[in-house]
Amino acid sequence: MPTLKIYVGTMYGGALDVAEQVKPLFEEAGYRVTILEQATLDDLVDDRPDLALFCLSTTGSGDFPGNIVPLVRELEERSPGLVDLRYGLIALGDSSYGDTFCGAGRHLDALLEGLGAQRLGERLEVDAMETFMADDAALPWAEAWIAEQQLQVA
């Protein structure tokens, strides 16, 4: 059974809630799903999943939530080759912050791309000013992502 790891970066639990809400969709599609709240580089490189999904919120002025900072720091410092990594990204933010809206998600997306990873489809950016519950946007996106990227394996 192929594996999907959902890497979560959250401050107040919103991104974790999204991860927990989309998990059953991927299980129904035939994946063994693991949600990681304290991911390390080893979780991404040494035990590489068949598919990765990053769910993260942006804090402050475009900053990463504390629980995903160690992973991002290791990616930046060690620059591992990620050419075999296929991933999707759900970024949560607040457009009232202007230029830093979804800054953490955009930064991580650029970092992964620079390391050779392949994003499948478009990044989802959920605006707290427009969507009260982030999973209201994430669930339809995940369903469409599975279908459009032909990720169904079961």
C-alpha atoms as a PDB file:
ATOM      1  CA  MET A   1       0.000   0.000   0.000  1.00  0.00           C
ATOM      2  CA  PRO A   2       1.468   3.393  -0.950  1.00  0.00           C
ATOM      3  CA  THR A   3       2.174   5.899   1.796  1.00  0.00           C
ATOM      4  CA  LEU A   4       1.121   9.501   2.266  1.00  0.00           C
ATOM      5  CA  LYS A   5       2.650  11.627   4.978  1.00  0.00           C
ATOM      6  CA  ILE A   6       0.911  14.833   5.953  1.00  0.00           C
ATOM      7  CA  TYR A   7       3.409  17.300   7.404  1.00  0.00           C
ATOM      8  CA  VAL A   8       1.664  19.811   9.658  1.00  0.00           C
ATOM      9  CA  GLY A   9       2.827  23.263  10.670  1.00  0.00           C
ATOM     10  CA  THR A  10       0.330  24.801  13.076  1.00  0.00           C
ATOM     11  CA  MET A  11       0.161  27.334  15.876  1.00  0.00           C
ATOM     12  CA  TYR A  12      -3.438  27.076  17.056  1.00  0.00           C
ATOM     13  CA  GLY A  13      -4.501  23.775  15.505  1.00  0.00           C
ATOM     14  CA  GLY A  14      -6.136  24.930  12.269  1.00  0.00           C
ATOM     15  CA  ALA A  15      -3.675  23.165   9.972  1.00  0.00           C
ATOM     16  CA  LEU A  16      -3.865  20.006  12.092  1.00  0.00           C
ATOM     17  CA  ASP A  17      -7.646  20.077  11.786  1.00  0.00           C
ATOM     18  CA  VAL A  18      -7.312  20.303   7.996  1.00  0.00           C
ATOM     19  CA  ALA A  19      -4.910  17.345   7.991  1.00  0.00           C
ATOM     20  CA  GLU A  20      -7.290  15.268  10.088  1.00  0.00           C
ATOM     21  CA  GLN A  21     -10.238  16.172   7.862  1.00  0.00           C
ATOM     22  CA  VAL A  22      -8.527  15.258   4.557  1.00  0.00           C
ATOM     23  CA  LYS A  23      -6.882  12.068   5.894  1.00  0.00           C
ATOM     24  CA  PRO A  24      -9.941   9.832   5.242  1.00  0.00           C
ATOM     25  CA  LEU A  25     -10.088  10.974   1.611  1.00  0.00           C
ATOM     26  CA  PHE A  26      -6.586   9.643   1.037  1.00  0.00           C
ATOM     27  CA  GLU A  27      -7.275   6.452   2.958  1.00  0.00           C
ATOM     28  CA  GLU A  28     -10.290   5.862   0.703  1.00  0.00           C
ATOM     29  CA  ALA A  29      -8.004   6.490  -2.289  1.00  0.00           C
ATOM     30  CA  GLY A  30      -5.766   3.645  -1.103  1.00  0.00           C
ATOM     31  CA  TYR A  31      -3.007   5.287   0.951  1.00  0.00           C
ATOM     32  CA  ARG A  32      -1.614   4.458   4.365  1.00  0.00           C
ATOM     33  CA  VAL A  33      -1.675   7.940   5.905  1.00  0.00           C
ATOM     34  CA  THR A  34       0.479   9.328   8.702  1.00  0.00           C
ATOM     35  CA  ILE A  35       0.065  12.823  10.130  1.00  0.00           C
ATOM     36  CA  LEU A  36       3.314  14.319  11.450  1.00  0.00           C
ATOM     37  CA  GLU A  37       3.198  17.274  13.832  1.00  0.00           C
ATOM     38  CA  GLN A  38       6.904  17.247  14.751  1.00  0.00           C
ATOM     39  CA  ALA A  39       8.458  16.133  11.462  1.00  0.00           C
ATOM     40  CA  THR A  40      12.193  15.809  10.984  1.00  0.00           C
ATOM     41  CA  LEU A  41      14.244  15.680   7.828  1.00  0.00           C
ATOM     42  CA  ASP A  42      14.549  11.909   8.312  1.00  0.00           C
ATOM     43  CA  ASP A  43      10.750  11.643   8.016  1.00  0.00           C
ATOM     44  CA  LEU A  44      11.010  13.239   4.592  1.00  0.00           C
ATOM     45  CA  VAL A  45      14.312  11.911   3.262  1.00  0.00           C
ATOM     46  CA  ASP A  46      15.242   8.590   4.892  1.00  0.00           C
ATOM     47  CA  ASP A  47      11.686   7.291   5.081  1.00  0.00           C
ATOM     48  CA  ARG A  48      10.376   9.045   1.977  1.00  0.00           C
ATOM     49  CA  PRO A  49       6.644   8.676   1.409  1.00  0.00           C
ATOM     50  CA  ASP A  50       5.124   7.886  -1.977  1.00  0.00           C
ATOM     51  CA  LEU A  51       3.255  11.176  -1.676  1.00  0.00           C
ATOM     52  CA  ALA A  52       3.543  14.141   0.704  1.00  0.00           C
ATOM     53  CA  LEU A  53       1.024  16.776   1.683  1.00  0.00           C
ATOM     54  CA  PHE A  54       2.078  19.857   3.614  1.00  0.00           C
ATOM     55  CA  CYS A  55      -0.609  21.646   5.641  1.00  0.00           C
ATOM     56  CA  LEU A  56       0.658  24.770   7.313  1.00  0.00           C
ATOM     57  CA  SER A  57      -0.454  28.069   8.628  1.00  0.00           C
ATOM     58  CA  THR A  58       1.448  31.320   8.579  1.00  0.00           C
ATOM     59  CA  THR A  59       2.150  33.177  11.805  1.00  0.00           C
ATOM     60  CA  GLY A  60       3.287  36.713  12.515  1.00  0.00           C
ATOM     61  CA  SER A  61       4.688  38.415   9.441  1.00  0.00           C
ATOM     62  CA  GLY A  62       4.898  35.418   7.128  1.00  0.00           C
ATOM     63  CA  ASP A  63       6.621  33.137   9.636  1.00  0.00           C
ATOM     64  CA  PHE A  64       6.519  29.372  10.078  1.00  0.00           C
ATOM     65  CA  PRO A  65       4.726  27.882  13.068  1.00  0.00           C
ATOM     66  CA  GLY A  66       7.237  26.690  15.677  1.00  0.00           C
ATOM     67  CA  ASN A  67       6.537  22.982  15.262  1.00  0.00           C
ATOM     68  CA  ILE A  68       7.696  22.908  11.618  1.00  0.00           C
ATOM     69  CA  VAL A  69      10.684  25.260  12.013  1.00  0.00           C
ATOM     70  CA  PRO A  70      13.185  22.401  12.702  1.00  0.00           C
ATOM     71  CA  LEU A  71      12.205  20.641   9.447  1.00  0.00           C
ATOM     72  CA  VAL A  72      12.441  23.846   7.407  1.00  0.00           C
ATOM     73  CA  ARG A  73      15.784  24.741   9.004  1.00  0.00           C
ATOM     74  CA  GLU A  74      17.188  21.281   8.151  1.00  0.00           C
ATOM     75  CA  LEU A  75      15.947  21.591   4.567  1.00  0.00           C
ATOM     76  CA  GLU A  76      17.661  24.964   4.228  1.00  0.00           C
ATOM     77  CA  GLU A  77      20.921  23.894   5.898  1.00  0.00           C
ATOM     78  CA  ARG A  78      21.380  20.421   4.402  1.00  0.00           C
ATOM     79  CA  SER A  79      19.792  20.987   0.963  1.00  0.00           C
ATOM     80  CA  PRO A  80      18.880  17.341   0.344  1.00  0.00           C
ATOM     81  CA  GLY A  81      17.965  16.287  -3.170  1.00  0.00           C
ATOM     82  CA  LEU A  82      14.221  15.750  -3.307  1.00  0.00           C
ATOM     83  CA  VAL A  83      13.800  14.853  -6.985  1.00  0.00           C
ATOM     84  CA  ASP A  84      11.700  11.780  -6.113  1.00  0.00           C
ATOM     85  CA  LEU A  85       9.312  13.691  -3.843  1.00  0.00           C
ATOM     86  CA  ARG A  86       5.808  14.366  -5.165  1.00  0.00           C
ATOM     87  CA  TYR A  87       3.779  16.700  -2.986  1.00  0.00           C
ATOM     88  CA  GLY A  88       0.806  18.975  -2.515  1.00  0.00           C
ATOM     89  CA  LEU A  89       0.525  22.016  -0.305  1.00  0.00           C
ATOM     90  CA  ILE A  90      -2.296  23.613   1.641  1.00  0.00           C
ATOM     91  CA  ALA A  91      -1.365  27.028   3.029  1.00  0.00           C
ATOM     92  CA  LEU A  92      -3.499  28.836   5.593  1.00  0.00           C
ATOM     93  CA  GLY A  93      -3.246  32.564   6.027  1.00  0.00           C
ATOM     94  CA  ASP A  94      -4.978  35.876   6.507  1.00  0.00           C
ATOM     95  CA  SER A  95      -5.021  38.326   3.595  1.00  0.00           C
ATOM     96  CA  SER A  96      -5.260  41.278   5.990  1.00  0.00           C
ATOM     97  CA  TYR A  97      -1.501  40.752   6.485  1.00  0.00           C
ATOM     98  CA  GLY A  98      -0.909  41.896   2.900  1.00  0.00           C
ATOM     99  CA  ASP A  99       2.354  40.755   1.321  1.00  0.00           C
ATOM    100  CA  THR A 100       2.970  38.097   3.972  1.00  0.00           C
ATOM    101  CA  PHE A 101      -0.346  36.301   3.260  1.00  0.00           C
ATOM    102  CA  CYS A 102       0.379  32.540   3.252  1.00  0.00           C
ATOM    103  CA  GLY A 103       4.063  33.455   3.512  1.00  0.00           C
ATOM    104  CA  ALA A 104       5.079  30.211   5.224  1.00  0.00           C
ATOM    105  CA  GLY A 105       3.349  28.073   2.598  1.00  0.00           C
ATOM    106  CA  ARG A 106       4.812  30.083  -0.279  1.00  0.00           C
ATOM    107  CA  HIS A 107       8.297  29.947   1.261  1.00  0.00           C
ATOM    108  CA  LEU A 108       8.121  26.181   1.819  1.00  0.00           C
ATOM    109  CA  ASP A 109       6.790  25.630  -1.696  1.00  0.00           C
ATOM    110  CA  ALA A 110       9.720  27.561  -3.212  1.00  0.00           C
ATOM    111  CA  LEU A 111      12.181  25.728  -0.953  1.00  0.00           C
ATOM    112  CA  LEU A 112      10.858  22.284  -1.960  1.00  0.00           C
ATOM    113  CA  GLU A 113      10.864  23.230  -5.629  1.00  0.00           C
ATOM    114  CA  GLY A 114      14.455  24.462  -5.332  1.00  0.00           C
ATOM    115  CA  LEU A 115      15.444  21.063  -3.903  1.00  0.00           C
ATOM    116  CA  GLY A 116      13.954  19.280  -6.909  1.00  0.00           C
ATOM    117  CA  ALA A 117      10.608  18.164  -5.462  1.00  0.00           C
ATOM    118  CA  GLN A 118       7.627  18.069  -7.804  1.00  0.00           C
ATOM    119  CA  ARG A 119       4.435  19.796  -6.705  1.00  0.00           C
ATOM    120  CA  LEU A 120       1.392  18.129  -8.198  1.00  0.00           C
ATOM    121  CA  GLY A 121      -1.235  20.668  -9.188  1.00  0.00           C
ATOM    122  CA  GLU A 122      -1.719  24.078  -7.678  1.00  0.00           C
ATOM    123  CA  ARG A 123      -1.058  25.110  -4.099  1.00  0.00           C
ATOM    124  CA  LEU A 124      -4.235  25.808  -2.124  1.00  0.00           C
ATOM    125  CA  GLU A 125      -4.197  29.099  -0.240  1.00  0.00           C
ATOM    126  CA  VAL A 126      -6.984  29.444   2.302  1.00  0.00           C
ATOM    127  CA  ASP A 127      -7.780  32.999   3.392  1.00  0.00           C
ATOM    128  CA  ALA A 128      -9.159  33.298   6.930  1.00  0.00           C
ATOM    129  CA  MET A 129     -10.834  36.554   5.864  1.00  0.00           C
ATOM    130  CA  GLU A 130     -12.997  34.623   3.378  1.00  0.00           C
ATOM    131  CA  THR A 131     -13.218  31.088   4.805  1.00  0.00           C
ATOM    132  CA  PHE A 132     -14.075  30.661   8.485  1.00  0.00           C
ATOM    133  CA  MET A 133     -13.365  26.905   8.570  1.00  0.00           C
ATOM    134  CA  ALA A 134     -10.297  26.039   6.491  1.00  0.00           C
ATOM    135  CA  ASP A 135     -11.536  22.501   5.844  1.00  0.00           C
ATOM    136  CA  ASP A 136     -14.476  24.013   3.904  1.00  0.00           C
ATOM    137  CA  ALA A 137     -11.901  24.873   1.241  1.00  0.00           C
ATOM    138  CA  ALA A 138      -9.465  22.004   1.858  1.00  0.00           C
ATOM    139  CA  LEU A 139     -11.877  19.083   1.478  1.00  0.00           C
ATOM    140  CA  PRO A 140     -13.076  19.977  -2.052  1.00  0.00           C
ATOM    141  CA  TRP A 141      -9.489  20.817  -3.030  1.00  0.00           C
ATOM    142  CA  ALA A 142      -8.234  17.425  -1.787  1.00  0.00           C
ATOM    143  CA  GLU A 143     -11.022  15.572  -3.616  1.00  0.00           C
ATOM    144  CA  ALA A 144     -10.199  17.432  -6.833  1.00  0.00           C
ATOM    145  CA  TRP A 145      -6.442  16.936  -6.313  1.00  0.00           C
ATOM    146  CA  ILE A 146      -6.860  13.176  -5.951  1.00  0.00           C
ATOM    147  CA  ALA A 147      -8.984  13.054  -9.119  1.00  0.00           C
ATOM    148  CA  GLU A 148      -7.015  15.500 -11.293  1.00  0.00           C
ATOM    149  CA  GLN A 149      -3.605  14.047 -10.369  1.00  0.00           C
ATOM    150  CA  GLN A 150      -4.915  10.475 -10.731  1.00  0.00           C
ATOM    151  CA  LEU A 151      -3.808   9.609  -7.213  1.00  0.00           C
ATOM    152  CA  GLN A 152      -6.457   6.946  -6.644  1.00  0.00           C
ATOM    153  CA  VAL A 153      -4.689   3.614  -6.058  1.00  0.00           C
ATOM    154  CA  ALA A 154      -7.409   1.460  -4.484  1.00  0.00           C
END
